[in-house]
PDB file of all heavy atoms in Angstrom:
ATOM      1  N   LEU A   1     -48.713   9.641 -12.636  1.00  0.00           N
ATOM      2  CA  LEU A   1     -49.183   9.349 -13.986  1.00  0.00           C
ATOM      3  C   LEU A   1     -50.487  10.093 -14.199  1.00  0.00           C
ATOM      4  O   LEU A   1     -51.435   9.946 -13.415  1.00  0.00           O
ATOM      5  CB  LEU A   1     -49.383   7.846 -14.168  1.00  0.00           C
ATOM      6  CG  LEU A   1     -49.912   7.404 -15.535  1.00  0.00           C
ATOM      7  CD1 LEU A   1     -48.942   7.784 -16.648  1.00  0.00           C
ATOM      8  CD2 LEU A   1     -50.165   5.892 -15.548  1.00  0.00           C
ATOM      9  N   VAL A   2     -50.535  10.900 -15.248  1.00  0.00           N
ATOM     10  CA  VAL A   2     -51.713  11.718 -15.533  1.00  0.00           C
ATOM     11  C   VAL A   2     -52.145  11.486 -16.974  1.00  0.00           C
ATOM     12  O   VAL A   2     -51.369  10.955 -17.785  1.00  0.00           O
ATOM     13  CB  VAL A   2     -51.414  13.214 -15.292  1.00  0.00           C
ATOM     14  CG1 VAL A   2     -51.096  13.472 -13.824  1.00  0.00           C
ATOM     15  CG2 VAL A   2     -50.266  13.702 -16.170  1.00  0.00           C
ATOM     16  N   PRO A   3     -53.366  11.865 -17.329  1.00  0.00           N
ATOM     17  CA  PRO A   3     -53.810  11.701 -18.716  1.00  0.00           C
ATOM     18  C   PRO A   3     -52.927  12.473 -19.694  1.00  0.00           C
ATOM     19  O   PRO A   3     -52.258  13.442 -19.324  1.00  0.00           O
ATOM     20  CB  PRO A   3     -55.238  12.265 -18.700  1.00  0.00           C
ATOM     21  CG  PRO A   3     -55.688  12.104 -17.281  1.00  0.00           C
ATOM     22  CD  PRO A   3     -54.455  12.338 -16.451  1.00  0.00           C
ATOM     23  N   GLN A   4     -52.929  12.026 -20.932  1.00  0.00           N
ATOM     24  CA  GLN A   4     -52.093  12.629 -21.954  1.00  0.00           C
ATOM     25  C   GLN A   4     -52.330  14.131 -22.033  1.00  0.00           C
ATOM     26  O   GLN A   4     -53.464  14.609 -22.016  1.00  0.00           O
ATOM     27  CB  GLN A   4     -52.366  11.982 -23.315  1.00  0.00           C
ATOM     28  CG  GLN A   4     -51.426  12.436 -24.417  1.00  0.00           C
ATOM     29  CD  GLN A   4     -51.509  11.539 -25.653  1.00  0.00           C
ATOM     30  OE1 GLN A   4     -51.986  10.414 -25.561  1.00  0.00           O
ATOM     31  NE2 GLN A   4     -51.043  12.041 -26.770  1.00  0.00           N
ATOM     32  N   GLY A   5     -51.256  14.884 -22.124  1.00  0.00           N
ATOM     33  CA  GLY A   5     -51.332  16.333 -22.236  1.00  0.00           C
ATOM     34  C   GLY A   5     -51.370  17.073 -20.911  1.00  0.00           C
ATOM     35  O   GLY A   5     -51.384  18.308 -20.897  1.00  0.00           O
ATOM     36  N   GLN A   6     -51.346  16.345 -19.782  1.00  0.00           N
ATOM     37  CA  GLN A   6     -51.493  17.000 -18.486  1.00  0.00           C
ATOM     38  C   GLN A   6     -50.237  16.953 -17.620  1.00  0.00           C
ATOM     39  O   GLN A   6     -50.245  17.390 -16.472  1.00  0.00           O
ATOM     40  CB  GLN A   6     -52.676  16.391 -17.715  1.00  0.00           C
ATOM     41  CG  GLN A   6     -54.013  16.609 -18.390  1.00  0.00           C
ATOM     42  CD  GLN A   6     -55.171  16.065 -17.585  1.00  0.00           C
ATOM     43  OE1 GLN A   6     -55.089  15.915 -16.372  1.00  0.00           O
ATOM     44  NE2 GLN A   6     -56.271  15.750 -18.267  1.00  0.00           N
ATOM     45  N   ALA A   7     -49.147  16.430 -18.161  1.00  0.00           N
ATOM     46  CA  ALA A   7     -47.941  16.288 -17.342  1.00  0.00           C
ATOM     47  C   ALA A   7     -47.397  17.642 -16.901  1.00  0.00           C
ATOM     48  O   ALA A   7     -47.010  17.814 -15.734  1.00  0.00           O
ATOM     49  CB  ALA A   7     -46.868  15.512 -18.108  1.00  0.00           C
ATOM     50  N   PHE A   8     -47.357  18.606 -17.802  1.00  0.00           N
ATOM     51  CA  PHE A   8     -46.798  19.909 -17.429  1.00  0.00           C
ATOM     52  C   PHE A   8     -47.633  20.572 -16.350  1.00  0.00           C
ATOM     53  O   PHE A   8     -47.086  21.105 -15.369  1.00  0.00           O
ATOM     54  CB  PHE A   8     -46.699  20.835 -18.646  1.00  0.00           C
ATOM     55  CG  PHE A   8     -46.217  22.210 -18.282  1.00  0.00           C
ATOM     56  CD1 PHE A   8     -44.868  22.445 -18.084  1.00  0.00           C
ATOM     57  CD2 PHE A   8     -47.111  23.258 -18.110  1.00  0.00           C
ATOM     58  CE1 PHE A   8     -44.406  23.716 -17.712  1.00  0.00           C
ATOM     59  CE2 PHE A   8     -46.670  24.525 -17.749  1.00  0.00           C
ATOM     60  CZ  PHE A   8     -45.318  24.755 -17.552  1.00  0.00           C
ATOM     61  N   ASP A   9     -48.950  20.565 -16.505  1.00  0.00           N
ATOM     62  CA  ASP A   9     -49.809  21.215 -15.512  1.00  0.00           C
ATOM     63  C   ASP A   9     -49.638  20.586 -14.135  1.00  0.00           C
ATOM     64  O   ASP A   9     -49.581  21.293 -13.118  1.00  0.00           O
ATOM     65  CB  ASP A   9     -51.276  21.143 -15.939  1.00  0.00           C
ATOM     66  CG  ASP A   9     -51.581  22.014 -17.149  1.00  0.00           C
ATOM     67  OD1 ASP A   9     -50.774  22.928 -17.432  1.00  0.00           O
ATOM     68  OD2 ASP A   9     -52.601  21.774 -17.814  1.00  0.00           O
ATOM     69  N   LYS A  10     -49.549  19.252 -14.092  1.00  0.00           N
ATOM     70  CA  LYS A  10     -49.365  18.577 -12.809  1.00  0.00           C
ATOM     71  C   LYS A  10     -47.991  18.893 -12.236  1.00  0.00           C
ATOM     72  O   LYS A  10     -47.859  19.138 -11.021  1.00  0.00           O
ATOM     73  CB  LYS A  10     -49.536  17.070 -12.981  1.00  0.00           C
ATOM     74  CG  LYS A  10     -49.377  16.274 -11.684  1.00  0.00           C
ATOM     75  CD  LYS A  10     -50.469  16.615 -10.677  1.00  0.00           C
ATOM     76  CE  LYS A  10     -50.366  15.758  -9.427  1.00  0.00           C
ATOM     77  NZ  LYS A  10     -51.405  16.095  -8.420  1.00  0.00           N
ATOM     78  N   ALA A  11     -46.963  18.897 -13.078  1.00  0.00           N
ATOM     79  CA  ALA A  11     -45.618  19.214 -12.601  1.00  0.00           C
ATOM     80  C   ALA A  11     -45.552  20.633 -12.055  1.00  0.00           C
ATOM     81  O   ALA A  11     -44.922  20.880 -11.016  1.00  0.00           O
ATOM     82  CB  ALA A  11     -44.604  19.029 -13.732  1.00  0.00           C
ATOM     83  N   LEU A  12     -46.201  21.574 -12.743  1.00  0.00           N
ATOM     84  CA  LEU A  12     -46.208  22.958 -12.274  1.00  0.00           C
ATOM     85  C   LEU A  12     -46.958  23.073 -10.953  1.00  0.00           C
ATOM     86  O   LEU A  12     -46.528  23.808 -10.042  1.00  0.00           O
ATOM     87  CB  LEU A  12     -46.836  23.863 -13.330  1.00  0.00           C
ATOM     88  CG  LEU A  12     -46.829  25.365 -13.029  1.00  0.00           C
ATOM     89  CD1 LEU A  12     -45.394  25.876 -12.876  1.00  0.00           C
ATOM     90  CD2 LEU A  12     -47.559  26.135 -14.131  1.00  0.00           C
ATOM     91  N   GLU A  13     -48.058  22.348 -10.825  1.00  0.00           N
ATOM     92  CA  GLU A  13     -48.804  22.335  -9.561  1.00  0.00           C
ATOM     93  C   GLU A  13     -47.928  21.837  -8.410  1.00  0.00           C
ATOM     94  O   GLU A  13     -47.872  22.436  -7.333  1.00  0.00           O
ATOM     95  CB  GLU A  13     -50.038  21.445  -9.696  1.00  0.00           C
ATOM     96  CG  GLU A  13     -50.795  21.209  -8.399  1.00  0.00           C
ATOM     97  CD  GLU A  13     -51.727  20.011  -8.484  1.00  0.00           C
ATOM     98  OE1 GLU A  13     -52.283  19.743  -9.575  1.00  0.00           O
ATOM     99  OE2 GLU A  13     -51.899  19.324  -7.450  1.00  0.00           O
ATOM    100  N   LEU A  14     -47.220  20.736  -8.649  1.00  0.00           N
ATOM    101  CA  LEU A  14     -46.345  20.187  -7.616  1.00  0.00           C
ATOM    102  C   LEU A  14     -45.194  21.131  -7.295  1.00  0.00           C
ATOM    103  O   LEU A  14     -44.842  21.334  -6.125  1.00  0.00           O
ATOM    104  CB  LEU A  14     -45.796  18.835  -8.063  1.00  0.00           C
ATOM    105  CG  LEU A  14     -46.812  17.696  -8.170  1.00  0.00           C
ATOM    106  CD1 LEU A  14     -46.173  16.488  -8.856  1.00  0.00           C
ATOM    107  CD2 LEU A  14     -47.346  17.300  -6.798  1.00  0.00           C
ATOM    108  N   ALA A  15     -44.591  21.712  -8.343  1.00  0.00           N
ATOM    109  CA  ALA A  15     -43.470  22.625  -8.124  1.00  0.00           C
ATOM    110  C   ALA A  15     -43.906  23.846  -7.327  1.00  0.00           C
ATOM    111  O   ALA A  15     -43.165  24.327  -6.453  1.00  0.00           O
ATOM    112  CB  ALA A  15     -42.874  23.050  -9.459  1.00  0.00           C
ATOM    113  N   SER A  16     -45.106  24.347  -7.596  1.00  0.00           N
ATOM    114  CA  SER A  16     -45.610  25.503  -6.853  1.00  0.00           C
ATOM    115  C   SER A  16     -45.797  25.152  -5.385  1.00  0.00           C
ATOM    116  O   SER A  16     -45.524  25.972  -4.496  1.00  0.00           O
ATOM    117  CB  SER A  16     -46.933  25.983  -7.458  1.00  0.00           C
ATOM    118  OG  SER A  16     -46.751  26.387  -8.810  1.00  0.00           O
ATOM    119  N   ARG A  17     -46.244  23.922  -5.118  1.00  0.00           N
ATOM    120  CA  ARG A  17     -46.406  23.469  -3.742  1.00  0.00           C
ATOM    121  C   ARG A  17     -45.042  23.305  -3.069  1.00  0.00           C
ATOM    122  O   ARG A  17     -44.836  23.738  -1.935  1.00  0.00           O
ATOM    123  CB  ARG A  17     -47.166  22.138  -3.726  1.00  0.00           C
ATOM    124  CG  ARG A  17     -47.596  21.666  -2.349  1.00  0.00           C
ATOM    125  CD  ARG A  17     -48.234  20.290  -2.434  1.00  0.00           C
ATOM    126  NE  ARG A  17     -49.243  20.210  -3.484  1.00  0.00           N
ATOM    127  CZ  ARG A  17     -49.797  19.070  -3.884  1.00  0.00           C
ATOM    128  NH1 ARG A  17     -49.407  17.913  -3.346  1.00  0.00           N
ATOM    129  NH2 ARG A  17     -50.711  19.075  -4.827  1.00  0.00           N
ATOM    130  N   VAL A  18     -44.094  22.698  -3.782  1.00  0.00           N
ATOM    131  CA  VAL A  18     -42.748  22.489  -3.243  1.00  0.00           C
ATOM    132  C   VAL A  18     -42.073  23.827  -2.946  1.00  0.00           C
ATOM    133  O   VAL A  18     -41.344  23.965  -1.949  1.00  0.00           O
ATOM    134  CB  VAL A  18     -41.911  21.667  -4.244  1.00  0.00           C
ATOM    135  CG1 VAL A  18     -40.437  21.697  -3.900  1.00  0.00           C
ATOM    136  CG2 VAL A  18     -42.419  20.227  -4.307  1.00  0.00           C
ATOM    137  N   ALA A  19     -42.320  24.818  -3.788  1.00  0.00           N
ATOM    138  CA  ALA A  19     -41.685  26.129  -3.613  1.00  0.00           C
ATOM    139  C   ALA A  19     -42.134  26.816  -2.333  1.00  0.00           C
ATOM    140  O   ALA A  19     -41.461  27.746  -1.862  1.00  0.00           O
ATOM    141  CB  ALA A  19     -42.002  27.015  -4.819  1.00  0.00           C
ATOM    142  N   GLU A  20     -43.224  26.378  -1.754  1.00  0.00           N
ATOM    143  CA  GLU A  20     -43.713  26.972  -0.513  1.00  0.00           C
ATOM    144  C   GLU A  20     -43.041  26.381   0.719  1.00  0.00           C
ATOM    145  O   GLU A  20     -43.196  26.901   1.820  1.00  0.00           O
ATOM    146  CB  GLU A  20     -45.233  26.788  -0.410  1.00  0.00           C
ATOM    147  CG  GLU A  20     -46.016  27.522  -1.484  1.00  0.00           C
ATOM    148  CD  GLU A  20     -47.507  27.233  -1.416  1.00  0.00           C
ATOM    149  OE1 GLU A  20     -47.912  26.403  -0.553  1.00  0.00           O
ATOM    150  OE2 GLU A  20     -48.270  27.820  -2.197  1.00  0.00           O
ATOM    151  N   ASN A  21     -42.303  25.292   0.569  1.00  0.00           N
ATOM    152  CA  ASN A  21     -41.627  24.675   1.705  1.00  0.00           C
ATOM    153  C   ASN A  21     -40.505  25.566   2.221  1.00  0.00           C
ATOM    154  O   ASN A  21     -40.015  26.455   1.514  1.00  0.00           O
ATOM    155  CB  ASN A  21     -41.017  23.328   1.305  1.00  0.00           C
ATOM    156  CG  ASN A  21     -42.060  22.292   0.943  1.00  0.00           C
ATOM    157  OD1 ASN A  21     -43.226  22.404   1.314  1.00  0.00           O
ATOM    158  ND2 ASN A  21     -41.633  21.268   0.216  1.00  0.00           N
ATOM    159  N   ALA A  22     -40.072  25.296   3.432  1.00  0.00           N
ATOM    160  CA  ALA A  22     -38.906  25.987   3.956  1.00  0.00           C
ATOM    161  C   ALA A  22     -37.694  25.634   3.101  1.00  0.00           C
ATOM    162  O   ALA A  22     -37.439  24.450   2.849  1.00  0.00           O
ATOM    163  CB  ALA A  22     -38.661  25.574   5.408  1.00  0.00           C
ATOM    164  N   PRO A  23     -36.955  26.617   2.618  1.00  0.00           N
ATOM    165  CA  PRO A  23     -35.835  26.337   1.705  1.00  0.00           C
ATOM    166  C   PRO A  23     -34.815  25.358   2.269  1.00  0.00           C
ATOM    167  O   PRO A  23     -34.283  24.516   1.537  1.00  0.00           O
ATOM    168  CB  PRO A  23     -35.219  27.719   1.474  1.00  0.00           C
ATOM    169  CG  PRO A  23     -36.334  28.679   1.705  1.00  0.00           C
ATOM    170  CD  PRO A  23     -37.170  28.064   2.796  1.00  0.00           C
ATOM    171  N   LEU A  24     -34.530  25.439   3.563  1.00  0.00           N
ATOM    172  CA  LEU A  24     -33.519  24.557   4.137  1.00  0.00           C
ATOM    173  C   LEU A  24     -34.002  23.107   4.180  1.00  0.00           C
ATOM    174  O   LEU A  24     -33.218  22.171   4.010  1.00  0.00           O
ATOM    175  CB  LEU A  24     -33.122  25.030   5.533  1.00  0.00           C
ATOM    176  CG  LEU A  24     -31.850  24.416   6.124  1.00  0.00           C
ATOM    177  CD1 LEU A  24     -30.658  24.580   5.178  1.00  0.00           C
ATOM    178  CD2 LEU A  24     -31.537  25.051   7.475  1.00  0.00           C
ATOM    179  N   THR A  25     -35.313  22.917   4.367  1.00  0.00           N
ATOM    180  CA  THR A  25     -35.858  21.558   4.323  1.00  0.00           C
ATOM    181  C   THR A  25     -35.756  20.995   2.907  1.00  0.00           C
ATOM    182  O   THR A  25     -35.363  19.839   2.712  1.00  0.00           O
ATOM    183  CB  THR A  25     -37.315  21.543   4.798  1.00  0.00           C
ATOM    184  OG1 THR A  25     -37.368  21.991   6.156  1.00  0.00           O
ATOM    185  CG2 THR A  25     -37.903  20.141   4.717  1.00  0.00           C
ATOM    186  N   ASN A  26     -36.100  21.801   1.915  1.00  0.00           N
ATOM    187  CA  ASN A  26     -35.946  21.356   0.526  1.00  0.00           C
ATOM    188  C   ASN A  26     -34.495  20.997   0.230  1.00  0.00           C
ATOM    189  O   ASN A  26     -34.204  19.982  -0.413  1.00  0.00           O
ATOM    190  CB  ASN A  26     -36.413  22.442  -0.441  1.00  0.00           C
ATOM    191  CG  ASN A  26     -37.918  22.461  -0.627  1.00  0.00           C
ATOM    192  OD1 ASN A  26     -38.619  21.554  -0.175  1.00  0.00           O
ATOM    193  ND2 ASN A  26     -38.423  23.493  -1.275  1.00  0.00           N
ATOM    194  N   TYR A  27     -33.578  21.818   0.703  1.00  0.00           N
ATOM    195  CA  TYR A  27     -32.159  21.563   0.467  1.00  0.00           C
ATOM    196  C   TYR A  27     -31.732  20.248   1.121  1.00  0.00           C
ATOM    197  O   TYR A  27     -30.999  19.446   0.526  1.00  0.00           O
ATOM    198  CB  TYR A  27     -31.326  22.719   1.011  1.00  0.00           C
ATOM    199  CG  TYR A  27     -29.869  22.667   0.621  1.00  0.00           C
ATOM    200  CD1 TYR A  27     -29.434  23.214  -0.579  1.00  0.00           C
ATOM    201  CD2 TYR A  27     -28.923  22.063   1.447  1.00  0.00           C
ATOM    202  CE1 TYR A  27     -28.096  23.165  -0.946  1.00  0.00           C
ATOM    203  CE2 TYR A  27     -27.585  22.009   1.086  1.00  0.00           C
ATOM    204  CZ  TYR A  27     -27.184  22.564  -0.112  1.00  0.00           C
ATOM    205  OH  TYR A  27     -25.854  22.510  -0.478  1.00  0.00           O
ATOM    206  N   ALA A  28     -32.218  20.000   2.327  1.00  0.00           N
ATOM    207  CA  ALA A  28     -31.885  18.759   3.021  1.00  0.00           C
ATOM    208  C   ALA A  28     -32.409  17.545   2.265  1.00  0.00           C
ATOM    209  O   ALA A  28     -31.727  16.513   2.158  1.00  0.00           O
ATOM    210  CB  ALA A  28     -32.460  18.786   4.438  1.00  0.00           C
ATOM    211  N   LEU A  29     -33.614  17.649   1.731  1.00  0.00           N
ATOM    212  CA  LEU A  29     -34.189  16.533   0.985  1.00  0.00           C
ATOM    213  C   LEU A  29     -33.417  16.263  -0.300  1.00  0.00           C
ATOM    214  O   LEU A  29     -33.273  15.111  -0.715  1.00  0.00           O
ATOM    215  CB  LEU A  29     -35.658  16.819   0.665  1.00  0.00           C
ATOM    216  CG  LEU A  29     -36.591  16.777   1.877  1.00  0.00           C
ATOM    217  CD1 LEU A  29     -37.962  17.342   1.532  1.00  0.00           C
ATOM    218  CD2 LEU A  29     -36.723  15.353   2.402  1.00  0.00           C
ATOM    219  N   MET A  30     -32.913  17.308  -0.928  1.00  0.00           N
ATOM    220  CA  MET A  30     -32.158  17.151  -2.169  1.00  0.00           C
ATOM    221  C   MET A  30     -30.742  16.642  -1.924  1.00  0.00           C
ATOM    222  O   MET A  30     -30.246  15.788  -2.661  1.00  0.00           O
ATOM    223  CB  MET A  30     -32.065  18.497  -2.898  1.00  0.00           C
ATOM    224  CG  MET A  30     -33.382  19.061  -3.384  1.00  0.00           C
ATOM    225  SD  MET A  30     -33.195  20.807  -3.785  1.00  0.00           S
ATOM    226  CE  MET A  30     -31.861  20.764  -4.993  1.00  0.00           C
ATOM    227  N   HIS A  31     -30.086  17.167  -0.901  1.00  0.00           N
ATOM    228  CA  HIS A  31     -28.655  16.926  -0.716  1.00  0.00           C
ATOM    229  C   HIS A  31     -28.343  15.894   0.362  1.00  0.00           C
ATOM    230  O   HIS A  31     -27.383  15.136   0.216  1.00  0.00           O
ATOM    231  CB  HIS A  31     -27.943  18.243  -0.393  1.00  0.00           C
ATOM    232  CG  HIS A  31     -27.870  19.188  -1.542  1.00  0.00           C
ATOM    233  ND1 HIS A  31     -26.734  19.349  -2.310  1.00  0.00           N
ATOM    234  CD2 HIS A  31     -28.805  20.013  -2.088  1.00  0.00           C
ATOM    235  CE1 HIS A  31     -26.975  20.239  -3.269  1.00  0.00           C
ATOM    236  NE2 HIS A  31     -28.214  20.659  -3.154  1.00  0.00           N
TER     237      HIS A  31
END
């Protein structure tokens, strides 16, 4: 939960961090 107007920036920050993970680990967490 972030202040109004900041959801996209926080989501992009998290997605950029997630994108650095090992792809197979991300796949395992999703599937």
